[in-house]
PDB file of N, CA and C in Angstrom:
ATOM      1  N   UNK A   1      29.917  44.359  40.679  1.00  0.00           N
ATOM      2  CA  UNK A   1      30.570  45.700  40.217  1.00  0.00           C
ATOM      3  C   UNK A   1      30.264  45.796  39.048  1.00  0.00           C
ATOM      4  N   UNK A   2      30.892  44.563  38.026  1.00  0.00           N
ATOM      5  CA  UNK A   2      30.660  44.548  36.756  1.00  0.00           C
ATOM      6  C   UNK A   2      29.172  44.931  36.134  1.00  0.00           C
ATOM      7  N   UNK A   3      28.360  44.550  36.617  1.00  0.00           N
ATOM      8  CA  UNK A   3      26.939  45.123  36.311  1.00  0.00           C
ATOM      9  C   UNK A   3      26.738  46.591  36.328  1.00  0.00           C
ATOM     10  N   UNK A   4      27.135  46.584  37.825  1.00  0.00           N
ATOM     11  CA  UNK A   4      26.981  48.295  37.617  1.00  0.00           C
ATOM     12  C   UNK A   4      27.590  49.339  36.506  1.00  0.00           C
ATOM     13  N   UNK A   5      28.694  48.745  36.488  1.00  0.00           N
ATOM     14  CA  UNK A   5      29.916  49.341  35.235  1.00  0.00           C
ATOM     15  C   UNK A   5      29.525  49.234  34.012  1.00  0.00           C
ATOM     16  N   UNK A   6      28.534  48.476  33.619  1.00  0.00           N
ATOM     17  CA  UNK A   6      28.782  47.916  32.241  1.00  0.00           C
ATOM     18  C   UNK A   6      28.401  48.848  31.337  1.00  0.00           C
ATOM     19  N   UNK A   7      27.499  50.091  31.541  1.00  0.00           N
ATOM     20  CA  UNK A   7      27.360  51.015  30.476  1.00  0.00           C
ATOM     21  C   UNK A   7      28.704  51.753  30.301  1.00  0.00           C
ATOM     22  N   UNK A   8      29.533  51.740  31.274  1.00  0.00           N
ATOM     23  CA  UNK A   8      30.950  52.337  31.221  1.00  0.00           C
ATOM     24  C   UNK A   8      31.905  51.684  30.548  1.00  0.00           C
ATOM     25  N   UNK A   9      31.474  50.386  30.312  1.00  0.00           N
ATOM     26  CA  UNK A   9      32.791  49.575  29.898  1.00  0.00           C
ATOM     27  C   UNK A   9      33.012  49.260  28.548  1.00  0.00           C
ATOM     28  N   UNK A  10      31.923  49.903  27.608  1.00  0.00           N
ATOM     29  CA  UNK A  10      31.974  49.648  26.167  1.00  0.00           C
ATOM     30  C   UNK A  10      31.503  51.061  25.611  1.00  0.00           C
ATOM     31  N   UNK A  11      31.306  51.093  24.033  1.00  0.00           N
ATOM     32  CA  UNK A  11      30.794  52.145  23.597  1.00  0.00           C
ATOM     33  C   UNK A  11      32.119  53.119  23.342  1.00  0.00           C
ATOM     34  N   UNK A  12      31.814  54.364  23.094  1.00  0.00           N
ATOM     35  CA  UNK A  12      32.646  55.404  23.140  1.00  0.00           C
ATOM     36  C   UNK A  12      32.843  56.179  24.529  1.00  0.00           C
ATOM     37  N   UNK A  13      33.502  55.387  25.303  1.00  0.00           N
ATOM     38  CA  UNK A  13      33.762  55.735  26.652  1.00  0.00           C
ATOM     39  C   UNK A  13      35.221  55.745  27.315  1.00  0.00           C
ATOM     40  N   UNK A  14      35.860  56.658  28.232  1.00  0.00           N
ATOM     41  CA  UNK A  14      36.658  56.243  28.857  1.00  0.00           C
ATOM     42  C   UNK A  14      36.376  56.147  30.358  1.00  0.00           C
ATOM     43  N   UNK A  15      36.884  55.177  30.596  1.00  0.00           N
ATOM     44  CA  UNK A  15      36.781  54.590  32.026  1.00  0.00           C
ATOM     45  C   UNK A  15      37.884  54.574  32.951  1.00  0.00           C
ATOM     46  N   UNK A  16      37.817  55.049  34.298  1.00  0.00           N
ATOM     47  CA  UNK A  16      38.940  54.879  35.174  1.00  0.00           C
ATOM     48  C   UNK A  16      38.500  54.416  36.627  1.00  0.00           C
ATOM     49  N   UNK A  17      38.879  53.314  36.886  1.00  0.00           N
ATOM     50  CA  UNK A  17      38.438  52.807  37.757  1.00  0.00           C
ATOM     51  C   UNK A  17      39.757  52.790  39.332  1.00  0.00           C
ATOM     52  N   UNK A  18      39.017  53.241  40.114  1.00  0.00           N
ATOM     53  CA  UNK A  18      39.905  53.424  41.518  1.00  0.00           C
ATOM     54  C   UNK A  18      39.493  52.643  42.357  1.00  0.00           C
ATOM     55  N   UNK A  19      40.484  51.518  42.877  1.00  0.00           N
ATOM     56  CA  UNK A  19      40.355  50.660  44.107  1.00  0.00           C
ATOM     57  C   UNK A  19      40.445  50.992  45.199  1.00  0.00           C
ATOM     58  N   UNK A  20      40.020  51.075  45.982  1.00  0.00           N
ATOM     59  CA  UNK A  20      40.537  51.669  47.614  1.00  0.00           C
ATOM     60  C   UNK A  20      40.217  50.372  48.474  1.00  0.00           C
ATOM     61  N   UNK A  21      41.398  50.383  49.057  1.00  0.00           N
ATOM     62  CA  UNK A  21      41.368  49.211  50.215  1.00  0.00           C
ATOM     63  C   UNK A  21      41.966  49.641  51.517  1.00  0.00           C
ATOM     64  N   UNK A  22      41.777  49.184  52.342  1.00  0.00           N
ATOM     65  CA  UNK A  22      42.365  49.339  54.089  1.00  0.00           C
ATOM     66  C   UNK A  22      43.044  48.581  54.369  1.00  0.00           C
ATOM     67  N   UNK A  23      44.024  49.145  55.230  1.00  0.00           N
ATOM     68  CA  UNK A  23      45.078  48.121  55.612  1.00  0.00           C
ATOM     69  C   UNK A  23      44.623  47.370  57.017  1.00  0.00           C
ATOM     70  N   UNK A  24      43.675  47.569  57.503  1.00  0.00           N
ATOM     71  CA  UNK A  24      42.998  46.546  58.586  1.00  0.00           C
ATOM     72  C   UNK A  24      43.279  45.098  58.701  1.00  0.00           C
ATOM     73  N   UNK A  25      43.862  44.329  59.209  1.00  0.00           N
ATOM     74  CA  UNK A  25      43.460  42.795  59.524  1.00  0.00           C
ATOM     75  C   UNK A  25      41.930  42.495  59.413  1.00  0.00           C
ATOM     76  N   UNK A  26      41.107  43.088  60.036  1.00  0.00           N
ATOM     77  CA  UNK A  26      39.721  42.660  59.703  1.00  0.00           C
ATOM     78  C   UNK A  26      39.008  43.068  58.458  1.00  0.00           C
ATOM     79  N   UNK A  27      39.909  43.781  57.392  1.00  0.00           N
ATOM     80  CA  UNK A  27      39.067  43.731  56.009  1.00  0.00           C
ATOM     81  C   UNK A  27      39.861  43.031  55.105  1.00  0.00           C
ATOM     82  N   UNK A  28      40.664  41.879  55.568  1.00  0.00           N
ATOM     83  CA  UNK A  28      41.727  41.238  54.450  1.00  0.00           C
ATOM     84  C   UNK A  28      40.824  40.865  53.458  1.00  0.00           C
ATOM     85  N   UNK A  29      39.682  40.073  53.777  1.00  0.00           N
ATOM     86  CA  UNK A  29      39.059  39.354  52.574  1.00  0.00           C
ATOM     87  C   UNK A  29      38.736  40.676  51.789  1.00  0.00           C
ATOM     88  N   UNK A  30      37.945  41.487  52.248  1.00  0.00           N
ATOM     89  CA  UNK A  30      37.175  42.560  51.160  1.00  0.00           C
ATOM     90  C   UNK A  30      38.354  43.330  50.167  1.00  0.00           C
ATOM     91  N   UNK A  31      39.677  43.594  51.052  1.00  0.00           N
ATOM     92  CA  UNK A  31      40.881  44.074  50.008  1.00  0.00           C
ATOM     93  C   UNK A  31      41.164  43.095  49.289  1.00  0.00           C
ATOM     94  N   UNK A  32      41.360  41.944  49.692  1.00  0.00           N
ATOM     95  CA  UNK A  32      41.869  40.853  48.491  1.00  0.00           C
ATOM     96  C   UNK A  32      40.820  40.611  47.256  1.00  0.00           C
ATOM     97  N   UNK A  33      39.615  40.829  47.972  1.00  0.00           N
ATOM     98  CA  UNK A  33      38.504  40.600  46.655  1.00  0.00           C
ATOM     99  C   UNK A  33      38.589  41.944  45.628  1.00  0.00           C
ATOM    100  N   UNK A  34      38.909  43.140  46.461  1.00  0.00           N
ATOM    101  CA  UNK A  34      39.059  44.406  45.986  1.00  0.00           C
ATOM    102  C   UNK A  34      40.336  44.713  44.984  1.00  0.00           C
ATOM    103  N   UNK A  35      41.076  44.024  45.255  1.00  0.00           N
ATOM    104  CA  UNK A  35      42.646  43.732  44.017  1.00  0.00           C
ATOM    105  C   UNK A  35      42.121  42.881  43.299  1.00  0.00           C
ATOM    106  N   UNK A  36      41.544  41.784  43.570  1.00  0.00           N
ATOM    107  CA  UNK A  36      41.504  40.549  42.273  1.00  0.00           C
ATOM    108  C   UNK A  36      40.716  41.309  41.350  1.00  0.00           C
ATOM    109  N   UNK A  37      39.139  41.888  41.771  1.00  0.00           N
ATOM    110  CA  UNK A  37      38.847  42.532  40.804  1.00  0.00           C
ATOM    111  C   UNK A  37      39.497  43.809  40.152  1.00  0.00           C
ATOM    112  N   UNK A  38      40.134  44.560  40.684  1.00  0.00           N
ATOM    113  CA  UNK A  38      40.906  45.778  39.953  1.00  0.00           C
ATOM    114  C   UNK A  38      41.740  45.031  39.027  1.00  0.00           C
ATOM    115  N   UNK A  39      42.542  43.873  39.461  1.00  0.00           N
ATOM    116  CA  UNK A  39      43.465  43.484  38.246  1.00  0.00           C
ATOM    117  C   UNK A  39      42.734  42.955  37.214  1.00  0.00           C
ATOM    118  N   UNK A  40      41.921  42.147  37.416  1.00  0.00           N
ATOM    119  CA  UNK A  40      40.737  41.470  36.232  1.00  0.00           C
ATOM    120  C   UNK A  40      40.207  42.907  35.458  1.00  0.00           C
ATOM    121  N   UNK A  41      39.768  43.850  36.064  1.00  0.00           N
ATOM    122  CA  UNK A  41      39.363  45.228  35.141  1.00  0.00           C
ATOM    123  C   UNK A  41      40.604  45.994  34.539  1.00  0.00           C
ATOM    124  N   UNK A  42      41.490  45.820  35.094  1.00  0.00           N
ATOM    125  CA  UNK A  42      42.683  46.315  34.255  1.00  0.00           C
ATOM    126  C   UNK A  42      43.273  45.896  33.027  1.00  0.00           C
ATOM    127  N   UNK A  43      42.645  44.451  32.737  1.00  0.00           N
ATOM    128  CA  UNK A  43      42.930  43.646  31.757  1.00  0.00           C
ATOM    129  C   UNK A  43      41.820  43.794  30.794  1.00  0.00           C
ATOM    130  N   UNK A  44      40.971  44.301  30.742  1.00  0.00           N
ATOM    131  CA  UNK A  44      39.855  44.635  29.849  1.00  0.00           C
ATOM    132  C   UNK A  44      40.229  45.695  29.033  1.00  0.00           C
ATOM    133  N   UNK A  45      40.398  45.132  27.838  1.00  0.00           N
ATOM    134  CA  UNK A  45      40.707  46.011  26.464  1.00  0.00           C
ATOM    135  C   UNK A  45      39.275  46.417  26.019  1.00  0.00           C
ATOM    136  N   UNK A  46      39.107  47.489  25.486  1.00  0.00           N
ATOM    137  CA  UNK A  46      37.715  47.858  24.475  1.00  0.00           C
ATOM    138  C   UNK A  46      38.497  48.709  23.246  1.00  0.00           C
ATOM    139  N   UNK A  47      37.977  48.160  22.369  1.00  0.00           N
ATOM    140  CA  UNK A  47      38.393  48.961  21.247  1.00  0.00           C
ATOM    141  C   UNK A  47      37.058  49.626  20.493  1.00  0.00           C
ATOM    142  N   UNK A  48      37.114  50.786  20.054  1.00  0.00           N
ATOM    143  CA  UNK A  48      35.857  51.481  19.429  1.00  0.00           C
ATOM    144  C   UNK A  48      36.551  52.059  18.225  1.00  0.00           C
ATOM    145  N   UNK A  49      35.553  52.311  17.053  1.00  0.00           N
ATOM    146  CA  UNK A  49      35.546  52.431  16.135  1.00  0.00           C
ATOM    147  C   UNK A  49      34.914  53.914  15.595  1.00  0.00           C
ATOM    148  N   UNK A  50      35.305  54.827  14.739  1.00  0.00           N
ATOM    149  CA  UNK A  50      34.337  55.749  14.458  1.00  0.00           C
ATOM    150  C   UNK A  50      33.170  55.377  13.841  1.00  0.00           C
ATOM    151  N   UNK A  51      31.964  56.064  13.752  1.00  0.00           N
ATOM    152  CA  UNK A  51      30.688  55.907  13.248  1.00  0.00           C
ATOM    153  C   UNK A  51      31.119  56.418  12.194  1.00  0.00           C
ATOM    154  N   UNK A  52      30.760  55.590  10.634  1.00  0.00           N
ATOM    155  CA  UNK A  52      30.647  55.839   9.486  1.00  0.00           C
ATOM    156  C   UNK A  52      29.263  56.374   9.087  1.00  0.00           C
ATOM    157  N   UNK A  53      29.002  57.343   8.339  1.00  0.00           N
ATOM    158  CA  UNK A  53      27.880  57.683   7.664  1.00  0.00           C
ATOM    159  C   UNK A  53      28.175  57.852   6.030  1.00  0.00           C
ATOM    160  N   UNK A  54      27.128  57.248   5.424  1.00  0.00           N
ATOM    161  CA  UNK A  54      27.088  57.358   3.865  1.00  0.00           C
ATOM    162  C   UNK A  54      26.054  58.552   3.613  1.00  0.00           C
ATOM    163  N   UNK A  55      25.805  58.831   2.538  1.00  0.00           N
ATOM    164  CA  UNK A  55      24.786  59.731   1.732  1.00  0.00           C
ATOM    165  C   UNK A  55      23.181  59.504   2.230  1.00  0.00           C
ATOM    166  N   UNK A  56      22.872  58.123   2.186  1.00  0.00           N
ATOM    167  CA  UNK A  56      21.803  57.592   2.477  1.00  0.00           C
ATOM    168  C   UNK A  56      21.497  57.919   4.087  1.00  0.00           C
ATOM    169  N   UNK A  57      22.462  57.536   4.989  1.00  0.00           N
ATOM    170  CA  UNK A  57      22.324  57.928   6.188  1.00  0.00           C
ATOM    171  C   UNK A  57      21.932  59.199   6.656  1.00  0.00           C
ATOM    172  N   UNK A  58      22.834  60.202   5.631  1.00  0.00           N
ATOM    173  CA  UNK A  58      22.207  61.572   6.074  1.00  0.00           C
ATOM    174  C   UNK A  58      21.199  62.122   5.827  1.00  0.00           C
ATOM    175  N   UNK A  59      20.589  61.625   4.575  1.00  0.00           N
ATOM    176  CA  UNK A  59      19.466  61.855   4.177  1.00  0.00           C
ATOM    177  C   UNK A  59      18.217  61.282   4.999  1.00  0.00           C
ATOM    178  N   UNK A  60      18.343  60.246   5.537  1.00  0.00           N
ATOM    179  CA  UNK A  60      17.422  59.527   6.645  1.00  0.00           C
ATOM    180  C   UNK A  60      17.541  60.371   7.647  1.00  0.00           C
ATOM    181  N   UNK A  61      18.650  60.590   8.102  1.00  0.00           N
ATOM    182  CA  UNK A  61      18.708  61.544   9.418  1.00  0.00           C
ATOM    183  C   UNK A  61      18.023  62.966   9.350  1.00  0.00           C
ATOM    184  N   UNK A  62      18.028  63.577   8.321  1.00  0.00           N
ATOM    185  CA  UNK A  62      17.649  64.930   7.879  1.00  0.00           C
ATOM    186  C   UNK A  62      16.209  64.501   8.027  1.00  0.00           C
ATOM    187  N   UNK A  63      15.467  63.435   7.216  1.00  0.00           N
ATOM    188  CA  UNK A  63      14.025  63.363   7.037  1.00  0.00           C
ATOM    189  C   UNK A  63      13.404  63.209   8.575  1.00  0.00           C
ATOM    190  N   UNK A  64      14.210  62.359   9.562  1.00  0.00           N
ATOM    191  CA  UNK A  64      14.067  61.926  10.559  1.00  0.00           C
ATOM    192  C   UNK A  64      13.849  63.312  11.473  1.00  0.00           C
ATOM    193  N   UNK A  65      14.946  63.874  11.607  1.00  0.00           N
ATOM    194  CA  UNK A  65      14.665  65.364  12.153  1.00  0.00           C
ATOM    195  C   UNK A  65      13.382  66.272  11.982  1.00  0.00           C
ATOM    196  N   UNK A  66      13.381  66.158  10.608  1.00  0.00           N
ATOM    197  CA  UNK A  66      11.837  66.934  10.070  1.00  0.00           C
ATOM    198  C   UNK A  66      10.998  66.455  10.549  1.00  0.00           C
ATOM    199  N   UNK A  67      10.805  65.066  10.644  1.00  0.00           N
ATOM    200  CA  UNK A  67       9.561  64.430  11.498  1.00  0.00           C
ATOM    201  C   UNK A  67       9.488  64.576  12.743  1.00  0.00           C
ATOM    202  N   UNK A  68      10.627  64.705  13.317  1.00  0.00           N
ATOM    203  CA  UNK A  68      10.310  65.171  14.921  1.00  0.00           C
ATOM    204  C   UNK A  68       9.897  66.465  15.028  1.00  0.00           C
ATOM    205  N   UNK A  69      10.312  67.415  14.238  1.00  0.00           N
ATOM    206  CA  UNK A  69      10.062  68.662  14.499  1.00  0.00           C
ATOM    207  C   UNK A  69       8.527  68.669  14.130  1.00  0.00           C
ATOM    208  N   UNK A  70       8.079  68.613  13.263  1.00  0.00           N
ATOM    209  CA  UNK A  70       6.760  68.231  12.679  1.00  0.00           C
ATOM    210  C   UNK A  70       5.795  67.672  13.802  1.00  0.00           C
ATOM    211  N   UNK A  71       6.028  66.542  14.310  1.00  0.00           N
ATOM    212  CA  UNK A  71       5.759  65.975  15.371  1.00  0.00           C
ATOM    213  C   UNK A  71       5.557  67.014  16.772  1.00  0.00           C
ATOM    214  N   UNK A  72       6.572  67.254  17.101  1.00  0.00           N
ATOM    215  CA  UNK A  72       6.606  68.616  18.376  1.00  0.00           C
ATOM    216  C   UNK A  72       5.553  69.640  18.214  1.00  0.00           C
ATOM    217  N   UNK A  73       5.826  70.056  16.837  1.00  0.00           N
ATOM    218  CA  UNK A  73       4.436  70.990  16.288  1.00  0.00           C
ATOM    219  C   UNK A  73       3.324  70.616  16.450  1.00  0.00           C
ATOM    220  N   UNK A  74       2.769  69.320  16.219  1.00  0.00           N
ATOM    221  CA  UNK A  74       1.611  68.591  16.271  1.00  0.00           C
ATOM    222  C   UNK A  74       1.230  68.676  17.677  1.00  0.00           C
ATOM    223  N   UNK A  75       1.916  68.412  18.601  1.00  0.00           N
ATOM    224  CA  UNK A  75       1.903  68.061  20.100  1.00  0.00           C
ATOM    225  C   UNK A  75       1.624  69.374  20.986  1.00  0.00           C
ATOM    226  N   UNK A  76       2.341  70.331  20.235  1.00  0.00           N
ATOM    227  CA  UNK A  76       2.307  71.807  20.831  1.00  0.00           C
ATOM    228  C   UNK A  76       0.648  72.225  20.549  1.00  0.00           C
ATOM    229  N   UNK A  77       0.096  71.929  19.108  1.00  0.00           N
ATOM    230  CA  UNK A  77      -0.960  72.837  18.622  1.00  0.00           C
ATOM    231  C   UNK A  77      -2.146  71.745  19.508  1.00  0.00           C
ATOM    232  N   UNK A  78      -2.053  70.801  19.867  1.00  0.00           N
ATOM    233  CA  UNK A  78      -2.644  69.655  20.576  1.00  0.00           C
ATOM    234  C   UNK A  78      -2.906  70.016  22.063  1.00  0.00           C
ATOM    235  N   UNK A  79      -1.672  70.343  22.398  1.00  0.00           N
ATOM    236  CA  UNK A  79      -1.721  71.227  24.051  1.00  0.00           C
ATOM    237  C   UNK A  79      -2.183  72.461  23.941  1.00  0.00           C
ATOM    238  N   UNK A  80      -2.142  72.745  22.961  1.00  0.00           N
ATOM    239  CA  UNK A  80      -2.516  74.574  22.914  1.00  0.00           C
ATOM    240  C   UNK A  80      -4.125  74.722  22.435  1.00  0.00           C
ATOM    241  N   UNK A  81      -5.005  73.575  22.264  1.00  0.00           N
ATOM    242  CA  UNK A  81      -6.142  73.257  21.771  1.00  0.00           C
ATOM    243  C   UNK A  81      -6.483  73.694  20.467  1.00  0.00           C
ATOM    244  N   UNK A  82      -5.514  73.881  19.394  1.00  0.00           N
ATOM    245  CA  UNK A  82      -5.658  74.107  18.323  1.00  0.00           C
ATOM    246  C   UNK A  82      -5.715  73.065  17.256  1.00  0.00           C
ATOM    247  N   UNK A  83      -6.705  71.740  17.755  1.00  0.00           N
ATOM    248  CA  UNK A  83      -6.673  70.487  17.294  1.00  0.00           C
ATOM    249  C   UNK A  83      -7.059  70.350  15.493  1.00  0.00           C
ATOM    250  N   UNK A  84      -7.893  71.489  15.275  1.00  0.00           N
ATOM    251  CA  UNK A  84      -8.371  71.761  14.118  1.00  0.00           C
ATOM    252  C   UNK A  84      -7.294  72.008  12.702  1.00  0.00           C
ATOM    253  N   UNK A  85      -6.100  72.864  13.529  1.00  0.00           N
ATOM    254  CA  UNK A  85      -4.849  72.912  12.412  1.00  0.00           C
ATOM    255  C   UNK A  85      -3.982  71.976  12.082  1.00  0.00           C
ATOM    256  N   UNK A  86      -4.264  70.759  12.873  1.00  0.00           N
ATOM    257  CA  UNK A  86      -3.377  69.565  12.947  1.00  0.00           C
ATOM    258  C   UNK A  86      -3.568  69.084  11.176  1.00  0.00           C
ATOM    259  N   UNK A  87      -2.571  68.617  10.611  1.00  0.00           N
ATOM    260  CA  UNK A  87      -2.637  68.176   9.345  1.00  0.00           C
ATOM    261  C   UNK A  87      -2.103  66.566   9.237  1.00  0.00           C
TER     262      UNK A  87
END
């Protein structure tokens, strides 16, 4: 279960876990296992911090965005048969 939830248990996320149990005697082992897991999961503490960017990062992000747009334009030209116009 933890492996399935690994993407939700870290980063900038809020995770809510609902443990459902069955009161029947025939499911007592599964109920106990579920309650133990829920107890362990409730003790997990996740700390996050805000992403911080400086001017150098901003310039790089702007350049990368322009590059992505340029490459998308090239791809469009390639797909529309205007290969001779590609720089």
